[in-house]
């Protein structure tokens, strides 16, 4: 769903979509929530995990203008982990 959301916003090509999806499937894990959450909670959790993916794995997928947007989304998700745990998020590490 995260790939679909960003693909729509950024106009990703089929190749970009496939490369991005492959990286996210390999480098991230789905969240578990103890309380029902809307889609935004899931997206933010994936963006938070993307912070740990080395830029050299993600940046080449995108055009420079697309990367700027993706990078901003990921940076904005920086405080989500602590806030998410307070709202019922259980990470895979737990």
Protein backbone atom coordinates (compact mmCIF):
# COMPACT_ATOMS: atom_id res chain seq x y z
CA UNK A 1 0.00 0.00 0.00
CA UNK A 2 2.89 2.37 0.68
CA UNK A 3 4.27 1.79 -2.82
CA UNK A 4 0.83 2.37 -4.33
CA UNK A 5 0.36 5.57 -2.34
CA UNK A 6 3.74 7.02 -3.33
CA UNK A 7 3.46 5.75 -6.88
CA UNK A 8 0.24 7.67 -7.34
CA UNK A 9 1.69 10.83 -5.82
CA UNK A 10 5.02 10.63 -7.68
CA UNK A 11 3.98 9.05 -10.97
CA UNK A 12 6.39 6.14 -10.64
CA UNK A 13 7.12 4.08 -13.74
CA UNK A 14 6.54 0.32 -13.66
CA UNK A 15 10.28 -0.22 -13.22
CA UNK A 16 10.46 2.25 -10.34
CA UNK A 17 7.43 0.62 -8.73
CA UNK A 18 9.02 -2.84 -8.91
CA UNK A 19 12.38 -1.69 -7.59
CA UNK A 20 10.80 0.29 -4.74
CA UNK A 21 8.51 -2.59 -3.81
CA UNK A 22 11.43 -5.04 -3.75
CA UNK A 23 13.44 -2.82 -1.41
CA UNK A 24 10.52 -2.26 0.97
CA UNK A 25 9.61 -5.95 1.08
CA UNK A 26 13.20 -6.83 1.92
CA UNK A 27 14.00 -3.98 4.33
CA UNK A 28 10.76 -3.36 6.28
CA UNK A 29 8.32 -5.35 8.38
CA UNK A 30 4.58 -4.84 8.80
CA UNK A 31 3.45 -3.22 12.03
CA UNK A 32 1.07 -4.74 14.52
CA UNK A 33 -1.26 -2.50 16.44
CA UNK A 34 -3.03 -3.33 19.69
CA UNK A 35 -5.86 -0.97 18.74
CA UNK A 36 -7.53 -0.44 15.35
CA UNK A 37 -5.65 2.04 13.14
CA UNK A 38 -6.39 3.84 9.92
CA UNK A 39 -4.15 3.57 6.86
CA UNK A 40 -2.10 6.61 7.86
CA UNK A 41 -0.68 4.77 10.86
CA UNK A 42 0.60 1.98 8.64
CA UNK A 43 2.11 4.35 6.10
CA UNK A 44 3.88 6.32 8.81
CA UNK A 45 5.27 3.11 10.30
CA UNK A 46 6.75 2.11 6.93
CA UNK A 47 8.17 5.61 6.43
CA UNK A 48 9.75 5.33 9.89
CA UNK A 49 11.41 2.05 8.91
CA UNK A 50 12.62 3.60 5.66
CA UNK A 51 14.82 5.87 7.80
CA UNK A 52 17.00 2.82 8.46
CA UNK A 53 17.41 1.91 4.79
CA UNK A 54 20.69 3.28 3.43
CA UNK A 55 19.99 6.09 0.93
CA UNK A 56 22.09 4.31 -1.70
CA UNK A 57 19.41 1.58 -1.82
CA UNK A 58 16.51 4.00 -2.29
CA UNK A 59 17.78 7.13 -4.01
CA UNK A 60 18.71 5.49 -7.34
CA UNK A 61 15.11 4.35 -7.78
CA UNK A 62 13.78 7.89 -8.04
CA UNK A 63 14.21 10.94 -10.21
CA UNK A 64 15.84 13.81 -8.26
CA UNK A 65 12.53 15.63 -7.73
CA UNK A 66 10.87 12.39 -6.59
CA UNK A 67 13.70 11.60 -4.19
CA UNK A 68 13.33 15.03 -2.58
CA UNK A 69 9.68 14.26 -1.77
CA UNK A 70 10.40 10.72 -0.54
CA UNK A 71 13.26 11.95 1.63
CA UNK A 72 11.01 14.62 3.18
CA UNK A 73 8.29 12.03 3.95
CA UNK A 74 10.85 9.77 5.62
CA UNK A 75 12.38 12.61 7.64
CA UNK A 76 8.94 13.76 8.81
CA UNK A 77 8.24 10.25 10.13
CA UNK A 78 11.17 10.53 12.54
CA UNK A 79 9.11 10.96 15.68
CA UNK A 80 6.46 8.42 14.79
CA UNK A 81 7.96 5.42 16.62
CA UNK A 82 7.59 6.87 20.11
CA UNK A 83 4.22 8.41 19.35
CA UNK A 84 3.08 5.16 17.72
CA UNK A 85 4.03 3.06 20.70
CA UNK A 86 2.02 5.36 22.90
CA UNK A 87 -0.99 4.73 20.64
CA UNK A 88 -0.83 0.93 20.59
CA UNK A 89 1.87 0.12 18.04
CA UNK A 90 3.87 -3.04 18.51
CA UNK A 91 6.98 -3.19 16.35
CA UNK A 92 8.46 -6.45 15.10
CA UNK A 93 11.38 -5.97 17.49
CA UNK A 94 8.94 -6.38 20.37
